[in-house]
Amino acid sequence: MDTSDVKELKESGFSDETLLVSNSIIFFFAGFDTTSSGYTMCCHKLALHPDIQEKVYDEITEVIGDDEVTFERIQDLKYMDMFIAECFRLNPVFNSHERLCTKDYKIPGTNYVIPKGRFVRIYVKSLQRAEGNFVNPGEFDPENCNPSNNPSKFAQMIFGQGPRNCIGMRYALLTMKVSLVYLLLRHRVVRCDKTAEELVLDHSKHLSGGFVNIEKRDI
């Protein structure tokens, strides 16, 4: 069935049950696999940068401490937000966005027109490391994602931007933040013999080099 000209879901011809099940499957596979990759990247950076890990931990103890972990308190973890965003900025997993052009589109400031029906791949990795988009683009530094440092919105593209950004973004971020809170409140992430300096995406699309050890904190 050609749905390229469909404007609303009700025009697709699919039943409500089919649409519900198909979207649930998207959440399950797109959400869980990518979240596990994101968690791997975060733990890897925590092990490589113990000073930054302690800053994340200090914020958790200050904002949450021994209190209940609630949605509201999770939203107050601003340094953790910056840390996660910086992990995504330097990630080896995501290099491009793919979209199908649904109408002729002229790129502003040029004479180039992307014709309707063309599959477009936009490479964004260079944007995430370009001078001028972040205060310290060549280094792992959560301050790169500090709103006060005016990071480029469109250079941080792990979830995309605009009306077609990732539908599971808030779910993924909340899941990761809750997991990190419970991990770091009682444990410390440290290097091991298999911890690599850089994560690598292997031929099977899995991250390699993300091995770490978990030590119990003395509290």
N, C-alpha and C. Protein backbone atom coordinates (compact mmCIF):
# COMPACT_ATOMS: atom_id res chain seq x y z
N MET A 1 0.84 -1.20 0.00
CA MET A 1 0.00 0.00 0.00
C MET A 1 0.88 1.25 0.00
N ASP A 2 0.63 2.17 -0.93
CA ASP A 2 1.40 3.42 -1.00
C ASP A 2 0.76 4.44 -0.07
N THR A 3 1.51 4.82 0.96
CA THR A 3 0.99 5.79 1.94
C THR A 3 1.75 7.11 1.88
N SER A 4 2.46 7.37 0.77
CA SER A 4 3.31 8.56 0.70
C SER A 4 2.51 9.86 0.75
N ASP A 5 1.24 9.82 0.33
CA ASP A 5 0.43 11.04 0.34
C ASP A 5 -0.54 11.10 1.51
N VAL A 6 -0.42 10.15 2.44
CA VAL A 6 -1.30 10.12 3.61
C VAL A 6 -0.98 11.29 4.53
N LYS A 7 -1.98 12.04 4.90
CA LYS A 7 -1.79 13.19 5.78
C LYS A 7 -2.06 12.84 7.24
N GLU A 8 -2.99 11.92 7.49
CA GLU A 8 -3.34 11.53 8.85
C GLU A 8 -3.43 10.02 8.93
N LEU A 9 -3.23 9.50 10.14
CA LEU A 9 -3.26 8.06 10.33
C LEU A 9 -4.60 7.45 9.93
N LYS A 10 -5.69 8.17 10.18
CA LYS A 10 -7.01 7.62 9.87
C LYS A 10 -7.21 7.44 8.37
N GLU A 11 -6.37 8.07 7.55
CA GLU A 11 -6.46 7.92 6.11
C GLU A 11 -5.63 6.74 5.59
N SER A 12 -4.90 6.08 6.47
CA SER A 12 -3.99 5.03 6.04
C SER A 12 -4.71 3.75 5.65
N GLY A 13 -5.92 3.55 6.18
CA GLY A 13 -6.66 2.33 5.89
C GLY A 13 -6.41 1.21 6.88
N PHE A 14 -5.45 1.43 7.81
CA PHE A 14 -5.16 0.42 8.82
C PHE A 14 -6.12 0.58 10.01
N SER A 15 -6.43 -0.54 10.65
CA SER A 15 -7.32 -0.51 11.81
C SER A 15 -6.60 0.11 13.01
N ASP A 16 -7.40 0.56 13.98
CA ASP A 16 -6.82 1.13 15.20
C ASP A 16 -5.94 0.10 15.91
N GLU A 17 -6.36 -1.16 15.91
CA GLU A 17 -5.59 -2.21 16.59
C GLU A 17 -4.23 -2.41 15.91
N THR A 18 -4.22 -2.43 14.58
CA THR A 18 -2.97 -2.60 13.84
C THR A 18 -2.02 -1.44 14.11
N LEU A 19 -2.54 -0.22 14.11
CA LEU A 19 -1.70 0.94 14.38
C LEU A 19 -1.15 0.92 15.80
N LEU A 20 -1.98 0.50 16.75
CA LEU A 20 -1.55 0.44 18.15
C LEU A 20 -0.45 -0.59 18.33
N VAL A 21 -0.64 -1.78 17.77
CA VAL A 21 0.36 -2.85 17.90
C VAL A 21 1.66 -2.47 17.21
N SER A 22 1.57 -1.91 16.01
CA SER A 22 2.78 -1.56 15.27
C SER A 22 3.59 -0.50 15.99
N ASN A 23 2.92 0.49 16.57
CA ASN A 23 3.64 1.53 17.31
C ASN A 23 4.23 1.00 18.61
N SER A 24 3.56 0.05 19.24
CA SER A 24 4.10 -0.57 20.46
C SER A 24 5.37 -1.34 20.14
N ILE A 25 5.39 -2.02 18.99
CA ILE A 25 6.59 -2.75 18.58
C ILE A 25 7.74 -1.79 18.33
N ILE A 26 7.44 -0.64 17.70
CA ILE A 26 8.48 0.36 17.47
C ILE A 26 9.08 0.83 18.79
N PHE A 27 8.21 1.10 19.77
CA PHE A 27 8.71 1.53 21.08
C PHE A 27 9.60 0.46 21.70
N PHE A 28 9.19 -0.80 21.57
CA PHE A 28 9.93 -1.88 22.21
C PHE A 28 11.32 -2.04 21.61
N PHE A 29 11.40 -2.16 20.29
CA PHE A 29 12.68 -2.42 19.67
C PHE A 29 13.55 -1.17 19.55
N ALA A 30 12.96 -0.06 19.13
CA ALA A 30 13.74 1.17 18.97
C ALA A 30 14.16 1.73 20.32
N GLY A 31 13.29 1.59 21.33
CA GLY A 31 13.57 2.17 22.63
C GLY A 31 14.58 1.38 23.44
N PHE A 32 14.41 0.07 23.54
CA PHE A 32 15.24 -0.72 24.43
C PHE A 32 16.66 -0.91 23.89
N ASP A 33 16.80 -1.18 22.61
CA ASP A 33 18.13 -1.41 22.06
C ASP A 33 18.97 -0.14 22.09
N THR A 34 18.38 0.97 21.68
CA THR A 34 19.13 2.23 21.66
C THR A 34 19.42 2.72 23.08
N THR A 35 18.50 2.47 24.02
CA THR A 35 18.75 2.87 25.40
C THR A 35 19.90 2.07 25.99
N SER A 36 19.97 0.78 25.68
CA SER A 36 21.08 -0.03 26.19
C SER A 36 22.41 0.45 25.62
N SER A 37 22.41 0.87 24.34
CA SER A 37 23.64 1.43 23.74
C SER A 37 24.02 2.73 24.44
N GLY A 38 23.03 3.58 24.70
CA GLY A 38 23.29 4.83 25.40
C GLY A 38 23.83 4.60 26.80
N TYR A 39 23.30 3.59 27.49
CA TYR A 39 23.76 3.27 28.84
C TYR A 39 25.21 2.78 28.81
N THR A 40 25.55 2.02 27.76
CA THR A 40 26.93 1.57 27.59
C THR A 40 27.87 2.75 27.43
N MET A 41 27.46 3.72 26.60
CA MET A 41 28.29 4.91 26.39
C MET A 41 28.48 5.69 27.68
N CYS A 42 27.41 5.82 28.46
CA CYS A 42 27.50 6.56 29.72
C CYS A 42 28.43 5.87 30.71
N CYS A 43 28.29 4.57 30.87
CA CYS A 43 29.14 3.84 31.82
C CYS A 43 30.60 3.88 31.38
N HIS A 44 30.83 3.82 30.09
CA HIS A 44 32.20 3.89 29.57
C HIS A 44 32.83 5.24 29.92
N LYS A 45 32.09 6.34 29.74
CA LYS A 45 32.62 7.66 30.05
C LYS A 45 32.77 7.87 31.56
N LEU A 46 31.87 7.28 32.35
CA LEU A 46 32.01 7.37 33.80
C LEU A 46 33.31 6.72 34.26
N ALA A 47 33.66 5.58 33.65
CA ALA A 47 34.89 4.89 34.03
C ALA A 47 36.13 5.67 33.60
N LEU A 48 36.07 6.30 32.41
CA LEU A 48 37.22 7.04 31.90
C LEU A 48 37.42 8.38 32.59
N HIS A 49 36.34 8.94 33.16
CA HIS A 49 36.42 10.28 33.75
C HIS A 49 35.87 10.24 35.18
N PRO A 50 36.64 9.71 36.12
CA PRO A 50 36.16 9.60 37.51
C PRO A 50 35.84 10.95 38.14
N ASP A 51 36.52 12.03 37.70
CA ASP A 51 36.22 13.35 38.25
C ASP A 51 34.81 13.80 37.85
N ILE A 52 34.43 13.53 36.61
CA ILE A 52 33.08 13.86 36.16
C ILE A 52 32.06 12.95 36.83
N GLN A 53 32.42 11.67 37.03
CA GLN A 53 31.52 10.75 37.72
C GLN A 53 31.19 11.26 39.11
N GLU A 54 32.18 11.81 39.81
CA GLU A 54 31.93 12.31 41.16
C GLU A 54 31.02 13.55 41.14
N LYS A 55 31.11 14.34 40.09
CA LYS A 55 30.21 15.49 39.97
C LYS A 55 28.77 15.02 39.77
N VAL A 56 28.61 13.98 38.94
CA VAL A 56 27.27 13.41 38.74
C VAL A 56 26.75 12.84 40.05
N TYR A 57 27.61 12.14 40.76
CA TYR A 57 27.24 11.54 42.04
C TYR A 57 26.88 12.61 43.07
N ASP A 58 27.69 13.66 43.15
CA ASP A 58 27.44 14.73 44.11
C ASP A 58 26.08 15.39 43.86
N GLU A 59 25.73 15.57 42.59
CA GLU A 59 24.43 16.15 42.28
C GLU A 59 23.30 15.22 42.71
N ILE A 60 23.48 13.92 42.49
CA ILE A 60 22.45 12.96 42.90
C ILE A 60 22.23 13.01 44.40
N THR A 61 23.32 13.02 45.16
CA THR A 61 23.19 13.04 46.62
C THR A 61 22.58 14.36 47.10
N GLU A 62 22.86 15.44 46.40
CA GLU A 62 22.32 16.74 46.79
C GLU A 62 20.83 16.85 46.46
N VAL A 63 20.44 16.39 45.29
CA VAL A 63 19.06 16.53 44.84
C VAL A 63 18.16 15.45 45.41
N ILE A 64 18.67 14.21 45.50
CA ILE A 64 17.84 13.07 45.91
C ILE A 64 18.24 12.54 47.28
N GLY A 65 19.55 12.25 47.44
CA GLY A 65 20.01 11.72 48.72
C GLY A 65 19.31 10.43 49.09
N ASP A 66 18.74 10.39 50.30
CA ASP A 66 18.01 9.21 50.77
C ASP A 66 16.52 9.32 50.53
N ASP A 67 16.09 10.38 49.84
CA ASP A 67 14.67 10.57 49.56
C ASP A 67 14.21 9.65 48.43
N GLU A 68 12.92 9.62 48.23
CA GLU A 68 12.34 8.81 47.16
C GLU A 68 12.75 9.36 45.80
N VAL A 69 13.03 8.46 44.86
CA VAL A 69 13.36 8.87 43.50
C VAL A 69 12.05 9.15 42.77
N THR A 70 11.76 10.42 42.53
CA THR A 70 10.52 10.82 41.87
C THR A 70 10.81 11.46 40.52
N PHE A 71 9.78 11.56 39.71
CA PHE A 71 9.92 12.19 38.40
C PHE A 71 10.41 13.63 38.55
N GLU A 72 9.87 14.35 39.52
CA GLU A 72 10.23 15.75 39.72
C GLU A 72 11.70 15.89 40.10
N ARG A 73 12.19 15.03 40.98
CA ARG A 73 13.59 15.12 41.39
C ARG A 73 14.52 14.73 40.23
N ILE A 74 14.10 13.77 39.43
CA ILE A 74 14.91 13.38 38.26
C ILE A 74 15.09 14.57 37.32
N GLN A 75 14.05 15.38 37.18
CA GLN A 75 14.13 16.54 36.28
C GLN A 75 15.08 17.61 36.79
N ASP A 76 15.40 17.57 38.07
CA ASP A 76 16.31 18.57 38.65
C ASP A 76 17.79 18.19 38.51
N LEU A 77 18.07 17.05 37.90
CA LEU A 77 19.46 16.61 37.73
C LEU A 77 20.03 17.24 36.45
N LYS A 78 20.36 18.51 36.53
CA LYS A 78 20.78 19.27 35.35
C LYS A 78 22.18 18.86 34.88
N TYR A 79 23.09 18.60 35.81
CA TYR A 79 24.43 18.19 35.39
C TYR A 79 24.38 16.82 34.72
N MET A 80 23.52 15.93 35.23
CA MET A 80 23.36 14.63 34.58
C MET A 80 22.83 14.79 33.16
N ASP A 81 21.91 15.72 32.97
CA ASP A 81 21.42 16.02 31.62
C ASP A 81 22.58 16.37 30.70
N MET A 82 23.45 17.25 31.16
CA MET A 82 24.60 17.67 30.37
C MET A 82 25.54 16.49 30.10
N PHE A 83 25.75 15.66 31.12
CA PHE A 83 26.64 14.51 30.98
C PHE A 83 26.12 13.54 29.92
N ILE A 84 24.84 13.20 29.99
CA ILE A 84 24.25 12.27 29.03
C ILE A 84 24.31 12.84 27.61
N ALA A 85 23.98 14.11 27.48
CA ALA A 85 24.01 14.75 26.16
C ALA A 85 25.42 14.71 25.57
N GLU A 86 26.43 14.92 26.43
CA GLU A 86 27.81 14.90 25.96
C GLU A 86 28.24 13.49 25.56
N CYS A 87 27.76 12.47 26.28
CA CYS A 87 28.03 11.09 25.89
C CYS A 87 27.48 10.81 24.50
N PHE A 88 26.28 11.32 24.23
CA PHE A 88 25.67 11.12 22.92
C PHE A 88 26.40 11.91 21.84
N ARG A 89 26.90 13.09 22.19
CA ARG A 89 27.57 13.93 21.19
C ARG A 89 28.79 13.23 20.61
N LEU A 90 29.54 12.53 21.44
CA LEU A 90 30.77 11.89 20.99
C LEU A 90 30.59 10.40 20.76
N ASN A 91 29.35 9.97 20.54
CA ASN A 91 29.11 8.54 20.39
C ASN A 91 29.53 8.03 19.02
N PRO A 92 29.89 6.74 18.91
CA PRO A 92 30.28 6.16 17.62
C PRO A 92 29.12 5.49 16.91
N VAL A 93 27.91 5.55 17.47
CA VAL A 93 26.79 4.79 16.94
C VAL A 93 26.04 5.55 15.85
N PHE A 94 25.83 6.81 16.08
CA PHE A 94 24.92 7.56 15.23
C PHE A 94 25.68 8.51 14.31
N ASN A 95 25.54 8.33 13.00
CA ASN A 95 26.25 9.16 12.05
C ASN A 95 25.33 9.97 11.13
N SER A 96 24.10 9.52 10.97
CA SER A 96 23.25 10.18 9.98
C SER A 96 21.78 10.01 10.29
N HIS A 97 20.97 10.86 9.65
CA HIS A 97 19.51 10.72 9.65
C HIS A 97 19.08 10.36 8.24
N GLU A 98 18.07 9.51 8.11
CA GLU A 98 17.53 9.16 6.81
C GLU A 98 16.06 9.56 6.74
N ARG A 99 15.69 10.22 5.67
CA ARG A 99 14.31 10.67 5.49
C ARG A 99 13.90 10.53 4.03
N LEU A 100 12.60 10.31 3.81
CA LEU A 100 12.03 10.31 2.47
C LEU A 100 11.38 11.66 2.23
N CYS A 101 11.82 12.35 1.19
CA CYS A 101 11.28 13.68 0.88
C CYS A 101 9.87 13.53 0.32
N THR A 102 8.89 14.15 0.95
CA THR A 102 7.49 14.00 0.55
C THR A 102 7.01 15.12 -0.38
N LYS A 103 7.84 16.13 -0.59
CA LYS A 103 7.51 17.18 -1.56
C LYS A 103 8.80 17.88 -1.98
N ASP A 104 8.78 18.50 -3.14
CA ASP A 104 9.96 19.23 -3.59
C ASP A 104 10.36 20.27 -2.55
N TYR A 105 11.66 20.30 -2.22
CA TYR A 105 12.13 21.23 -1.19
C TYR A 105 13.41 21.91 -1.65
N LYS A 106 13.37 23.22 -1.71
CA LYS A 106 14.55 24.00 -2.07
C LYS A 106 15.31 24.36 -0.80
N ILE A 107 16.59 23.98 -0.74
CA ILE A 107 17.41 24.29 0.42
C ILE A 107 17.65 25.80 0.47
N PRO A 108 17.28 26.43 1.58
CA PRO A 108 17.42 27.90 1.69
C PRO A 108 18.84 28.36 1.40
N GLY A 109 18.95 29.45 0.62
CA GLY A 109 20.25 30.02 0.30
C GLY A 109 20.96 29.34 -0.84
N THR A 110 20.31 28.36 -1.46
CA THR A 110 20.91 27.65 -2.60
C THR A 110 19.89 27.52 -3.71
N ASN A 111 20.34 27.01 -4.84
CA ASN A 111 19.43 26.70 -5.95
C ASN A 111 19.14 25.21 -6.05
N TYR A 112 19.57 24.46 -5.01
CA TYR A 112 19.41 23.01 -5.05
C TYR A 112 18.04 22.61 -4.52
N VAL A 113 17.34 21.79 -5.30
CA VAL A 113 16.01 21.31 -4.92
C VAL A 113 16.06 19.80 -4.71
N ILE A 114 15.61 19.37 -3.54
CA ILE A 114 15.48 17.94 -3.27
C ILE A 114 14.12 17.51 -3.82
N PRO A 115 14.09 16.64 -4.80
CA PRO A 115 12.80 16.29 -5.41
C PRO A 115 11.97 15.36 -4.55
N LYS A 116 10.69 15.46 -4.70
CA LYS A 116 9.76 14.57 -4.00
C LYS A 116 10.08 13.11 -4.33
N GLY A 117 10.05 12.28 -3.30
CA GLY A 117 10.28 10.86 -3.49
C GLY A 117 11.72 10.43 -3.32
N ARG A 118 12.64 11.38 -3.17
CA ARG A 118 14.05 11.01 -3.02
C ARG A 118 14.35 10.65 -1.57
N PHE A 119 15.09 9.58 -1.40
CA PHE A 119 15.56 9.19 -0.07
C PHE A 119 16.82 9.98 0.24
N VAL A 120 16.81 10.70 1.37
CA VAL A 120 17.90 11.61 1.71
C VAL A 120 18.59 11.14 2.98
N ARG A 121 19.91 11.08 2.94
CA ARG A 121 20.70 10.77 4.13
C ARG A 121 21.53 12.00 4.49
N ILE A 122 21.35 12.48 5.71
CA ILE A 122 22.06 13.67 6.17
C ILE A 122 23.06 13.26 7.24
N TYR A 123 24.33 13.45 6.95
CA TYR A 123 25.39 13.08 7.90
C TYR A 123 25.58 14.20 8.92
N VAL A 124 25.52 13.83 10.19
CA VAL A 124 25.54 14.84 11.25
C VAL A 124 26.74 14.71 12.18
N LYS A 125 27.54 13.66 12.02
CA LYS A 125 28.66 13.45 12.94
C LYS A 125 29.61 14.64 12.97
N SER A 126 29.88 15.21 11.79
CA SER A 126 30.80 16.34 11.73
C SER A 126 30.23 17.55 12.45
N LEU A 127 28.90 17.71 12.42
CA LEU A 127 28.27 18.84 13.12
C LEU A 127 28.52 18.75 14.62
N GLN A 128 28.50 17.52 15.14
CA GLN A 128 28.63 17.32 16.58
C GLN A 128 30.05 17.56 17.09
N ARG A 129 31.00 17.69 16.18
CA ARG A 129 32.39 17.90 16.58
C ARG A 129 32.98 19.17 15.96
N ALA A 130 32.15 19.98 15.34
CA ALA A 130 32.65 21.15 14.61
C ALA A 130 32.94 22.32 15.54
N GLU A 131 34.01 23.04 15.23
CA GLU A 131 34.33 24.27 15.95
C GLU A 131 33.18 25.27 15.79
N GLY A 132 32.87 25.97 16.85
CA GLY A 132 31.81 26.96 16.80
C GLY A 132 30.47 26.45 17.28
N ASN A 133 30.29 25.13 17.26
CA ASN A 133 29.02 24.57 17.73
C ASN A 133 29.04 24.30 19.23
N PHE A 134 30.26 24.10 19.78
CA PHE A 134 30.40 23.83 21.21
C PHE A 134 31.67 24.52 21.70
N VAL A 135 31.73 24.78 23.00
CA VAL A 135 32.86 25.54 23.55
C VAL A 135 34.14 24.72 23.53
N ASN A 136 34.04 23.40 23.61
CA ASN A 136 35.22 22.54 23.63
C ASN A 136 34.93 21.27 22.84
N PRO A 137 34.71 21.41 21.53
CA PRO A 137 34.18 20.30 20.73
C PRO A 137 35.08 19.09 20.62
N GLY A 138 36.38 19.25 20.78
CA GLY A 138 37.30 18.14 20.62
C GLY A 138 37.50 17.28 21.84
N GLU A 139 36.92 17.68 22.97
CA GLU A 139 37.12 16.96 24.23
C GLU A 139 35.79 16.56 24.84
N PHE A 140 35.84 15.49 25.66
CA PHE A 140 34.65 15.10 26.41
C PHE A 140 34.50 16.06 27.59
N ASP A 141 33.49 16.89 27.55
CA ASP A 141 33.29 17.93 28.56
C ASP A 141 31.80 18.25 28.64
N PRO A 142 31.12 17.85 29.73
CA PRO A 142 29.69 18.13 29.86
C PRO A 142 29.33 19.61 29.69
N GLU A 143 30.30 20.50 29.93
CA GLU A 143 30.03 21.93 29.75
C GLU A 143 29.73 22.27 28.29
N ASN A 144 30.09 21.38 27.38
CA ASN A 144 29.71 21.58 25.98
C ASN A 144 28.20 21.64 25.81
N CYS A 145 27.49 20.99 26.71
CA CYS A 145 26.03 20.91 26.61
C CYS A 145 25.33 21.77 27.65
N ASN A 146 26.08 22.68 28.28
CA ASN A 146 25.50 23.60 29.24
C ASN A 146 24.75 24.70 28.49
N PRO A 147 23.46 24.87 28.74
CA PRO A 147 22.68 25.89 28.01
C PRO A 147 23.31 27.28 28.09
N SER A 148 24.01 27.58 29.19
CA SER A 148 24.63 28.90 29.34
C SER A 148 25.79 29.10 28.37
N ASN A 149 26.29 28.01 27.80
CA ASN A 149 27.39 28.11 26.82
C ASN A 149 26.89 28.13 25.38
N ASN A 150 25.58 28.22 25.22
CA ASN A 150 24.94 28.35 23.90
C ASN A 150 25.38 27.28 22.91
N PRO A 151 25.23 26.00 23.25
CA PRO A 151 25.55 24.96 22.27
C PRO A 151 24.57 25.02 21.10
N SER A 152 25.03 24.63 19.93
CA SER A 152 24.17 24.64 18.76
C SER A 152 23.12 23.54 18.88
N LYS A 153 21.87 23.93 18.83
CA LYS A 153 20.77 22.96 18.94
C LYS A 153 20.84 21.92 17.85
N PHE A 154 21.13 22.36 16.63
CA PHE A 154 21.09 21.44 15.50
C PHE A 154 22.41 20.69 15.28
N ALA A 155 23.35 20.87 16.20
CA ALA A 155 24.57 20.07 16.17
C ALA A 155 24.47 18.91 17.15
N GLN A 156 23.40 18.85 17.92
CA GLN A 156 23.15 17.74 18.83
C GLN A 156 21.96 16.96 18.28
N MET A 157 22.26 15.94 17.47
CA MET A 157 21.21 15.32 16.65
C MET A 157 20.93 13.87 16.99
N ILE A 158 21.31 13.40 18.18
CA ILE A 158 21.12 11.99 18.50
C ILE A 158 19.64 11.61 18.46
N PHE A 159 18.75 12.52 18.84
CA PHE A 159 17.32 12.26 18.77
C PHE A 159 16.66 12.99 17.61
N GLY A 160 17.45 13.65 16.79
CA GLY A 160 16.88 14.46 15.73
C GLY A 160 16.33 15.78 16.27
N GLN A 161 15.79 16.58 15.38
CA GLN A 161 15.20 17.86 15.77
C GLN A 161 13.92 18.09 14.98
N GLY A 162 13.09 19.00 15.47
CA GLY A 162 11.88 19.34 14.73
C GLY A 162 10.75 18.35 14.93
N PRO A 163 9.70 18.44 14.10
CA PRO A 163 8.50 17.62 14.29
C PRO A 163 8.72 16.13 14.07
N ARG A 164 9.83 15.73 13.44
CA ARG A 164 10.08 14.31 13.20
C ARG A 164 11.21 13.78 14.08
N ASN A 165 11.42 14.41 15.22
CA ASN A 165 12.45 13.90 16.13
C ASN A 165 11.98 12.60 16.78
N CYS A 166 12.84 11.97 17.53
CA CYS A 166 12.57 10.65 18.09
C CYS A 166 11.36 10.68 19.03
N ILE A 167 10.38 9.84 18.76
CA ILE A 167 9.16 9.81 19.56
C ILE A 167 9.43 9.24 20.96
N GLY A 168 10.53 8.48 21.10
CA GLY A 168 10.83 7.87 22.39
C GLY A 168 11.89 8.61 23.19
N MET A 169 12.18 9.86 22.80
CA MET A 169 13.26 10.60 23.45
C MET A 169 13.05 10.74 24.95
N ARG A 170 11.91 11.20 25.38
CA ARG A 170 11.69 11.43 26.81
C ARG A 170 11.71 10.12 27.59
N TYR A 171 11.17 9.09 26.99
CA TYR A 171 11.19 7.77 27.65
C TYR A 171 12.62 7.28 27.81
N ALA A 172 13.42 7.39 26.73
CA ALA A 172 14.80 6.92 26.77
C ALA A 172 15.62 7.67 27.81
N LEU A 173 15.50 9.00 27.83
CA LEU A 173 16.27 9.81 28.78
C LEU A 173 15.86 9.53 30.22
N LEU A 174 14.56 9.38 30.45
CA LEU A 174 14.09 9.10 31.81
C LEU A 174 14.60 7.74 32.28
N THR A 175 14.54 6.75 31.40
CA THR A 175 15.03 5.41 31.75
C THR A 175 16.51 5.44 32.11
N MET A 176 17.30 6.13 31.31
CA MET A 176 18.73 6.20 31.56
C MET A 176 19.04 6.94 32.85
N LYS A 177 18.34 8.04 33.11
CA LYS A 177 18.61 8.83 34.30
C LYS A 177 18.25 8.06 35.57
N VAL A 178 17.11 7.39 35.56
CA VAL A 178 16.71 6.59 36.73
C VAL A 178 17.73 5.48 36.98
N SER A 179 18.17 4.82 35.90
CA SER A 179 19.15 3.73 36.04
C SER A 179 20.47 4.25 36.61
N LEU A 180 20.92 5.40 36.11
CA LEU A 180 22.17 5.96 36.60
C LEU A 180 22.07 6.39 38.07
N VAL A 181 20.92 6.91 38.46
CA VAL A 181 20.73 7.30 39.86
C VAL A 181 20.90 6.09 40.77
N TYR A 182 20.19 5.01 40.47
CA TYR A 182 20.27 3.83 41.33
C TYR A 182 21.64 3.18 41.29
N LEU A 183 22.31 3.25 40.14
CA LEU A 183 23.66 2.69 40.04
C LEU A 183 24.65 3.49 40.89
N LEU A 184 24.68 4.81 40.70
CA LEU A 184 25.73 5.63 41.31
C LEU A 184 25.49 5.93 42.79
N LEU A 185 24.27 5.82 43.26
CA LEU A 185 24.02 6.05 44.68
C LEU A 185 24.74 5.03 45.56
N ARG A 186 24.94 3.84 45.04
CA ARG A 186 25.54 2.77 45.86
C ARG A 186 26.83 2.21 45.26
N HIS A 187 27.13 2.60 44.01
CA HIS A 187 28.27 1.99 43.35
C HIS A 187 29.08 3.02 42.56
N ARG A 188 30.29 2.62 42.22
CA ARG A 188 31.19 3.45 41.41
C ARG A 188 31.59 2.65 40.17
N VAL A 189 31.61 3.31 39.02
CA VAL A 189 32.01 2.66 37.77
C VAL A 189 33.51 2.91 37.55
N VAL A 190 34.28 1.84 37.36
CA VAL A 190 35.73 1.98 37.23
C VAL A 190 36.24 1.19 36.02
N ARG A 191 37.44 1.53 35.62
CA ARG A 191 38.08 0.82 34.51
C ARG A 191 38.36 -0.65 34.87
N CYS A 192 38.50 -1.45 33.82
CA CYS A 192 39.01 -2.81 33.98
C CYS A 192 40.02 -3.06 32.86
N ASP A 193 40.58 -4.25 32.79
CA ASP A 193 41.60 -4.55 31.78
C ASP A 193 41.06 -4.45 30.36
N LYS A 194 39.74 -4.62 30.20
CA LYS A 194 39.14 -4.61 28.86
C LYS A 194 38.54 -3.26 28.48
N THR A 195 38.68 -2.26 29.34
CA THR A 195 38.11 -0.95 29.03
C THR A 195 38.95 -0.27 27.95
N ALA A 196 38.33 0.04 26.83
CA ALA A 196 39.03 0.70 25.73
C ALA A 196 38.96 2.21 25.89
N GLU A 197 39.91 2.91 25.27
CA GLU A 197 39.89 4.36 25.32
C GLU A 197 38.76 4.94 24.46
N GLU A 198 38.41 4.21 23.41
CA GLU A 198 37.32 4.64 22.54
C GLU A 198 36.41 3.45 22.25
N LEU A 199 35.10 3.69 22.25
CA LEU A 199 34.16 2.66 21.84
C LEU A 199 34.18 2.53 20.32
N VAL A 200 33.99 1.31 19.86
CA VAL A 200 34.00 1.04 18.42
C VAL A 200 32.74 0.28 18.05
N LEU A 201 32.12 0.68 16.94
CA LEU A 201 30.95 -0.02 16.42
C LEU A 201 31.44 -1.14 15.51
N ASP A 202 31.22 -2.41 15.91
CA ASP A 202 31.77 -3.52 15.14
C ASP A 202 30.86 -3.89 13.97
N HIS A 203 31.23 -4.94 13.25
CA HIS A 203 30.52 -5.32 12.03
C HIS A 203 29.08 -5.72 12.29
N SER A 204 28.77 -6.17 13.51
CA SER A 204 27.42 -6.58 13.85
C SER A 204 26.61 -5.46 14.47
N LYS A 205 27.12 -4.22 14.37
CA LYS A 205 26.45 -3.03 14.88
C LYS A 205 26.35 -3.02 16.40
N HIS A 206 27.28 -3.69 17.06
CA HIS A 206 27.34 -3.67 18.51
C HIS A 206 28.57 -2.88 18.96
N LEU A 207 28.48 -2.25 20.12
CA LEU A 207 29.59 -1.49 20.65
C LEU A 207 30.60 -2.43 21.29
N SER A 208 31.86 -2.24 20.97
CA SER A 208 32.92 -3.02 21.60
C SER A 208 33.85 -2.08 22.37
N GLY A 209 34.44 -2.61 23.43
CA GLY A 209 35.34 -1.80 24.25
C GLY A 209 34.68 -1.17 25.44
N GLY A 210 33.41 -1.48 25.68
CA GLY A 210 32.68 -0.84 26.76
C GLY A 210 32.69 -1.60 28.07
N PHE A 211 33.66 -2.46 28.26
CA PHE A 211 33.74 -3.23 29.50
C PHE A 211 34.15 -2.32 30.66
N VAL A 212 33.48 -2.44 31.79
CA VAL A 212 33.82 -1.70 33.00
C VAL A 212 33.62 -2.60 34.21
N ASN A 213 34.15 -2.19 35.34
CA ASN A 213 33.88 -2.86 36.61
C ASN A 213 32.98 -1.97 37.46
N ILE A 214 32.23 -2.60 38.35
CA ILE A 214 31.34 -1.89 39.27
C ILE A 214 31.80 -2.18 40.69
N GLU A 215 32.13 -1.12 41.43
CA GLU A 215 32.57 -1.27 42.82
C GLU A 215 31.54 -0.65 43.77
N LYS A 216 31.37 -1.28 44.90
CA LYS A 216 30.45 -0.75 45.89
C LYS A 216 31.05 0.45 46.60
N ARG A 217 30.28 1.50 46.77
CA ARG A 217 30.75 2.69 47.45
C ARG A 217 30.80 2.47 48.95
N ASP A 218 31.72 3.12 49.62
CA ASP A 218 31.80 3.10 51.06
C ASP A 218 30.93 4.23 51.60
N ILE A 219 29.69 3.90 51.98
CA ILE A 219 28.77 4.93 52.47
C ILE A 219 28.16 4.50 53.79
